């Protein structure tokens, strides 16, 4: 996947918008599993793993965007102060060092790199803020999947003592999610 300035905010937005749908689909799959329908367990597990993968992808996109912003800032530093420094495997920093070696320290290039660094950092900050603001909703969805995964071992009894702690965690997260949305 190509990393752009829109990648992290888009992944975060899509993940957050899908939490209600994911919980509804998990509940439907769990009811089908309780009714003994074939393939319901796999469906529930698949939905849970897709949500988990999307959450990890959104968090990774934020980290990647921040690291790219740091690379652009390092390239600006190299070109502005004409100090190549030690070897770095980044293609952005390598290109800045080659430009410096060729004597190409164009102010327009420096300005474009600064703007790219600012846009990347801004995009990462927006995505991170969005994920942080929806943390209660994301936690509730993840715990809902975990709780529904534990129910078959307890004969689908939500009051079973083996899942009491998990149920309490889920209920607390669901209440926090409702309060955060209100």
C-alpha atoms as a PDB file:
ATOM      1  CA  UNK A   1       0.000   0.000   0.000  1.00  0.00           C
ATOM      2  CA  UNK A   2       1.319   3.416  -0.968  1.00  0.00           C
ATOM      3  CA  UNK A   3       1.526   5.841   1.924  1.00  0.00           C
ATOM      4  CA  UNK A   4       0.005   9.231   1.152  1.00  0.00           C
ATOM      5  CA  UNK A   5      -0.957  12.181   3.285  1.00  0.00           C
ATOM      6  CA  UNK A   6      -4.528  10.853   3.292  1.00  0.00           C
ATOM      7  CA  UNK A   7      -3.766   7.251   4.248  1.00  0.00           C
ATOM      8  CA  UNK A   8      -3.725   7.553   8.050  1.00  0.00           C
ATOM      9  CA  UNK A   9      -6.780   9.857   8.379  1.00  0.00           C
ATOM     10  CA  UNK A  10      -8.765   7.740   5.913  1.00  0.00           C
ATOM     11  CA  UNK A  11      -7.981   4.449   7.640  1.00  0.00           C
ATOM     12  CA  UNK A  12      -8.826   5.961  11.032  1.00  0.00           C
ATOM     13  CA  UNK A  13     -12.108   7.440   9.768  1.00  0.00           C
ATOM     14  CA  UNK A  14     -13.208   4.224   8.058  1.00  0.00           C
ATOM     15  CA  UNK A  15     -12.329   2.155  11.128  1.00  0.00           C
ATOM     16  CA  UNK A  16     -14.265   4.395  13.484  1.00  0.00           C
ATOM     17  CA  UNK A  17     -17.289   4.593  11.208  1.00  0.00           C
ATOM     18  CA  UNK A  18     -17.413   0.798  10.977  1.00  0.00           C
ATOM     19  CA  UNK A  19     -17.521   0.035  14.716  1.00  0.00           C
ATOM     20  CA  UNK A  20     -21.319   0.048  14.989  1.00  0.00           C
ATOM     21  CA  UNK A  21     -21.651  -2.167  11.938  1.00  0.00           C
ATOM     22  CA  UNK A  22     -18.970  -4.547  13.227  1.00  0.00           C
ATOM     23  CA  UNK A  23     -20.709  -4.908  16.593  1.00  0.00           C
ATOM     24  CA  UNK A  24     -24.054  -5.529  14.890  1.00  0.00           C
ATOM     25  CA  UNK A  25     -22.528  -8.163  12.594  1.00  0.00           C
ATOM     26  CA  UNK A  26     -20.735  -9.798  15.532  1.00  0.00           C
ATOM     27  CA  UNK A  27     -23.996 -10.010  17.472  1.00  0.00           C
ATOM     28  CA  UNK A  28     -25.797 -11.516  14.469  1.00  0.00           C
ATOM     29  CA  UNK A  29     -23.016 -14.060  13.926  1.00  0.00           C
ATOM     30  CA  UNK A  30     -23.070 -14.986  17.612  1.00  0.00           C
ATOM     31  CA  UNK A  31     -26.840 -15.517  17.530  1.00  0.00           C
ATOM     32  CA  UNK A  32     -26.437 -17.685  14.440  1.00  0.00           C
ATOM     33  CA  UNK A  33     -23.676 -19.593  16.214  1.00  0.00           C
ATOM     34  CA  UNK A  34     -25.938 -20.110  19.224  1.00  0.00           C
ATOM     35  CA  UNK A  35     -28.680 -21.383  16.907  1.00  0.00           C
ATOM     36  CA  UNK A  36     -26.194 -23.911  15.522  1.00  0.00           C
ATOM     37  CA  UNK A  37     -25.907 -22.556  11.987  1.00  0.00           C
ATOM     38  CA  UNK A  38     -23.029 -23.913   9.980  1.00  0.00           C
ATOM     39  CA  UNK A  39     -20.199 -21.451   9.381  1.00  0.00           C
ATOM     40  CA  UNK A  40     -21.342 -18.939  11.997  1.00  0.00           C
ATOM     41  CA  UNK A  41     -18.263 -19.461  14.168  1.00  0.00           C
ATOM     42  CA  UNK A  42     -15.947 -18.835  11.235  1.00  0.00           C
ATOM     43  CA  UNK A  43     -17.931 -15.730  10.287  1.00  0.00           C
ATOM     44  CA  UNK A  44     -17.649 -14.311  13.800  1.00  0.00           C
ATOM     45  CA  UNK A  45     -13.929 -15.071  13.928  1.00  0.00           C
ATOM     46  CA  UNK A  46     -13.408 -13.526  10.506  1.00  0.00           C
ATOM     47  CA  UNK A  47     -15.240 -10.329  11.465  1.00  0.00           C
ATOM     48  CA  UNK A  48     -13.198 -10.061  14.660  1.00  0.00           C
ATOM     49  CA  UNK A  49      -9.901 -10.608  12.857  1.00  0.00           C
ATOM     50  CA  UNK A  50     -10.778  -8.084  10.128  1.00  0.00           C
ATOM     51  CA  UNK A  51     -11.559  -5.451  12.763  1.00  0.00           C
ATOM     52  CA  UNK A  52      -8.324  -6.205  14.615  1.00  0.00           C
ATOM     53  CA  UNK A  53      -6.320  -6.020  11.381  1.00  0.00           C
ATOM     54  CA  UNK A  54      -7.903  -2.691  10.445  1.00  0.00           C
ATOM     55  CA  UNK A  55      -7.143  -1.280  13.881  1.00  0.00           C
ATOM     56  CA  UNK A  56      -3.503  -2.339  13.584  1.00  0.00           C
ATOM     57  CA  UNK A  57      -3.322  -0.942  10.034  1.00  0.00           C
ATOM     58  CA  UNK A  58      -4.663   2.441  11.164  1.00  0.00           C
ATOM     59  CA  UNK A  59      -2.197   2.628  14.054  1.00  0.00           C
ATOM     60  CA  UNK A  60       0.661   1.566  11.764  1.00  0.00           C
ATOM     61  CA  UNK A  61      -0.320   4.199   9.182  1.00  0.00           C
ATOM     62  CA  UNK A  62      -0.074   6.887  11.859  1.00  0.00           C
ATOM     63  CA  UNK A  63       3.396   5.666  12.860  1.00  0.00           C
ATOM     64  CA  UNK A  64       4.543   5.431   9.234  1.00  0.00           C
ATOM     65  CA  UNK A  65       3.282   8.927   8.454  1.00  0.00           C
ATOM     66  CA  UNK A  66       5.084  10.339  11.487  1.00  0.00           C
ATOM     67  CA  UNK A  67       8.322   8.613  10.510  1.00  0.00           C
ATOM     68  CA  UNK A  68       7.996   9.967   6.969  1.00  0.00           C
ATOM     69  CA  UNK A  69       7.500  13.472   8.373  1.00  0.00           C
ATOM     70  CA  UNK A  70      10.687  13.026  10.401  1.00  0.00           C
ATOM     71  CA  UNK A  71      12.544  11.918   7.268  1.00  0.00           C
ATOM     72  CA  UNK A  72      11.385  15.030   5.403  1.00  0.00           C
ATOM     73  CA  UNK A  73      12.468  17.205   8.331  1.00  0.00           C
ATOM     74  CA  UNK A  74      15.889  15.528   8.347  1.00  0.00           C
ATOM     75  CA  UNK A  75      16.202  16.145   4.591  1.00  0.00           C
ATOM     76  CA  UNK A  76      15.369  19.825   5.134  1.00  0.00           C
ATOM     77  CA  UNK A  77      18.045  20.005   7.825  1.00  0.00           C
ATOM     78  CA  UNK A  78      20.616  18.402   5.507  1.00  0.00           C
ATOM     79  CA  UNK A  79      19.878  20.812   2.664  1.00  0.00           C
ATOM     80  CA  UNK A  80      19.529  23.936   4.781  1.00  0.00           C
ATOM     81  CA  UNK A  81      22.651  23.506   6.910  1.00  0.00           C
ATOM     82  CA  UNK A  82      24.680  21.577   4.307  1.00  0.00           C
ATOM     83  CA  UNK A  83      25.602  18.813   6.750  1.00  0.00           C
ATOM     84  CA  UNK A  84      25.085  15.342   5.256  1.00  0.00           C
ATOM     85  CA  UNK A  85      25.700  13.452   8.508  1.00  0.00           C
ATOM     86  CA  UNK A  86      25.970   9.670   8.794  1.00  0.00           C
ATOM     87  CA  UNK A  87      24.461   7.058   6.493  1.00  0.00           C
ATOM     88  CA  UNK A  88      20.706   6.622   6.660  1.00  0.00           C
ATOM     89  CA  UNK A  89      18.723   4.013   4.687  1.00  0.00           C
ATOM     90  CA  UNK A  90      15.845   6.407   3.952  1.00  0.00           C
ATOM     91  CA  UNK A  91      15.372   7.221   0.253  1.00  0.00           C
ATOM     92  CA  UNK A  92      14.284  10.776   1.137  1.00  0.00           C
ATOM     93  CA  UNK A  93      17.412  11.450   3.164  1.00  0.00           C
ATOM     94  CA  UNK A  94      19.559   9.709   0.543  1.00  0.00           C
ATOM     95  CA  UNK A  95      18.121  11.953  -2.173  1.00  0.00           C
ATOM     96  CA  UNK A  96      18.789  15.032  -0.032  1.00  0.00           C
ATOM     97  CA  UNK A  97      22.405  13.932   0.444  1.00  0.00           C
ATOM     98  CA  UNK A  98      22.799  13.394  -3.307  1.00  0.00           C
ATOM     99  CA  UNK A  99      21.354  16.855  -3.964  1.00  0.00           C
ATOM    100  CA  UNK A 100      23.805  18.311  -1.469  1.00  0.00           C
ATOM    101  CA  UNK A 101      26.710  16.467  -3.101  1.00  0.00           C
ATOM    102  CA  UNK A 102      25.681  17.859  -6.497  1.00  0.00           C
ATOM    103  CA  UNK A 103      25.390  21.372  -5.069  1.00  0.00           C
ATOM    104  CA  UNK A 104      21.639  21.544  -5.533  1.00  0.00           C
ATOM    105  CA  UNK A 105      20.440  23.272  -2.364  1.00  0.00           C
ATOM    106  CA  UNK A 106      17.547  25.050  -4.008  1.00  0.00           C
ATOM    107  CA  UNK A 107      15.362  27.088  -1.596  1.00  0.00           C
ATOM    108  CA  UNK A 108      12.260  25.947  -3.486  1.00  0.00           C
ATOM    109  CA  UNK A 109      13.193  22.303  -2.847  1.00  0.00           C
ATOM    110  CA  UNK A 110      13.720  23.048   0.835  1.00  0.00           C
ATOM    111  CA  UNK A 111      10.347  24.795   1.012  1.00  0.00           C
ATOM    112  CA  UNK A 112       8.587  21.867  -0.678  1.00  0.00           C
ATOM    113  CA  UNK A 113      10.205  19.394   1.703  1.00  0.00           C
ATOM    114  CA  UNK A 114       9.160  21.542   4.668  1.00  0.00           C
ATOM    115  CA  UNK A 115       5.600  21.675   3.387  1.00  0.00           C
ATOM    116  CA  UNK A 116       5.583  17.899   2.855  1.00  0.00           C
ATOM    117  CA  UNK A 117       6.861  17.376   6.407  1.00  0.00           C
ATOM    118  CA  UNK A 118       4.204  19.712   7.809  1.00  0.00           C
ATOM    119  CA  UNK A 119       1.410  18.034   5.853  1.00  0.00           C
ATOM    120  CA  UNK A 120       2.569  14.554   6.895  1.00  0.00           C
ATOM    121  CA  UNK A 121       2.811  15.539  10.550  1.00  0.00           C
ATOM    122  CA  UNK A 122      -0.602  17.242  10.398  1.00  0.00           C
ATOM    123  CA  UNK A 123      -2.193  14.161   8.806  1.00  0.00           C
ATOM    124  CA  UNK A 124      -0.671  11.872  11.430  1.00  0.00           C
ATOM    125  CA  UNK A 125      -1.821  14.167  14.229  1.00  0.00           C
ATOM    126  CA  UNK A 126      -5.373  14.317  12.863  1.00  0.00           C
ATOM    127  CA  UNK A 127      -5.550  10.529  12.533  1.00  0.00           C
ATOM    128  CA  UNK A 128      -4.078   9.988  15.984  1.00  0.00           C
ATOM    129  CA  UNK A 129      -6.536  12.471  17.517  1.00  0.00           C
ATOM    130  CA  UNK A 130      -9.422  10.735  15.776  1.00  0.00           C
ATOM    131  CA  UNK A 131      -8.286   7.329  17.076  1.00  0.00           C
ATOM    132  CA  UNK A 132      -7.768   8.722  20.571  1.00  0.00           C
ATOM    133  CA  UNK A 133     -11.188  10.389  20.610  1.00  0.00           C
ATOM    134  CA  UNK A 134     -12.831   7.104  19.575  1.00  0.00           C
ATOM    135  CA  UNK A 135     -10.747   4.903  21.861  1.00  0.00           C
ATOM    136  CA  UNK A 136     -13.753   3.977  24.019  1.00  0.00           C
ATOM    137  CA  UNK A 137     -15.729   2.903  20.952  1.00  0.00           C
ATOM    138  CA  UNK A 138     -12.803   0.898  19.572  1.00  0.00           C
ATOM    139  CA  UNK A 139     -12.215  -0.784  22.936  1.00  0.00           C
ATOM    140  CA  UNK A 140     -15.908  -1.649  23.233  1.00  0.00           C
ATOM    141  CA  UNK A 141     -15.904  -3.230  19.781  1.00  0.00           C
ATOM    142  CA  UNK A 142     -12.749  -5.246  20.474  1.00  0.00           C
ATOM    143  CA  UNK A 143     -14.090  -6.425  23.841  1.00  0.00           C
ATOM    144  CA  UNK A 144     -17.432  -7.298  22.253  1.00  0.00           C
ATOM    145  CA  UNK A 145     -15.650  -9.617  19.826  1.00  0.00           C
ATOM    146  CA  UNK A 146     -13.642 -11.134  22.661  1.00  0.00           C
ATOM    147  CA  UNK A 147     -16.753 -11.645  24.805  1.00  0.00           C
ATOM    148  CA  UNK A 148     -18.692 -13.265  21.972  1.00  0.00           C
ATOM    149  CA  UNK A 149     -15.697 -15.505  21.308  1.00  0.00           C
ATOM    150  CA  UNK A 150     -15.763 -16.699  24.916  1.00  0.00           C
ATOM    151  CA  UNK A 151     -19.518 -17.383  25.013  1.00  0.00           C
ATOM    152  CA  UNK A 152     -19.485 -20.791  23.229  1.00  0.00           C
ATOM    153  CA  UNK A 153     -17.263 -22.234  25.968  1.00  0.00           C
ATOM    154  CA  UNK A 154     -19.909 -21.184  28.520  1.00  0.00           C
ATOM    155  CA  UNK A 155     -22.895 -22.576  26.594  1.00  0.00           C
ATOM    156  CA  UNK A 156     -23.867 -19.025  25.565  1.00  0.00           C
ATOM    157  CA  UNK A 157     -24.698 -18.029  29.137  1.00  0.00           C
ATOM    158  CA  UNK A 158     -23.731 -14.346  29.520  1.00  0.00           C
ATOM    159  CA  UNK A 159     -23.990 -14.624  33.321  1.00  0.00           C
ATOM    160  CA  UNK A 160     -21.536 -17.539  33.542  1.00  0.00           C
ATOM    161  CA  UNK A 161     -18.833 -16.954  36.200  1.00  0.00           C
ATOM    162  CA  UNK A 162     -16.002 -17.800  33.774  1.00  0.00           C
ATOM    163  CA  UNK A 163     -16.705 -14.724  31.669  1.00  0.00           C
ATOM    164  CA  UNK A 164     -17.874 -12.402  34.438  1.00  0.00           C
ATOM    165  CA  UNK A 165     -14.736 -10.228  34.329  1.00  0.00           C
ATOM    166  CA  UNK A 166     -14.789 -10.017  30.545  1.00  0.00           C
ATOM    167  CA  UNK A 167     -18.467  -9.084  30.569  1.00  0.00           C
ATOM    168  CA  UNK A 168     -17.860  -6.368  33.167  1.00  0.00           C
ATOM    169  CA  UNK A 169     -14.999  -4.955  31.072  1.00  0.00           C
ATOM    170  CA  UNK A 170     -17.201  -4.955  27.997  1.00  0.00           C
ATOM    171  CA  UNK A 171     -20.110  -3.293  29.808  1.00  0.00           C
ATOM    172  CA  UNK A 172     -17.796  -0.601  31.191  1.00  0.00           C
ATOM    173  CA  UNK A 173     -16.329   0.006  27.723  1.00  0.00           C
ATOM    174  CA  UNK A 174     -19.793   0.086  26.131  1.00  0.00           C
ATOM    175  CA  UNK A 175     -21.010   2.614  28.711  1.00  0.00           C
ATOM    176  CA  UNK A 176     -17.905   4.748  28.175  1.00  0.00           C
ATOM    177  CA  UNK A 177     -18.518   4.557  24.435  1.00  0.00           C
ATOM    178  CA  UNK A 178     -22.117   5.720  24.835  1.00  0.00           C
ATOM    179  CA  UNK A 179     -21.032   8.605  27.062  1.00  0.00           C
ATOM    180  CA  UNK A 180     -18.308   9.616  24.603  1.00  0.00           C
ATOM    181  CA  UNK A 181     -20.805   9.751  21.741  1.00  0.00           C
ATOM    182  CA  UNK A 182     -23.359  11.762  23.733  1.00  0.00           C
END
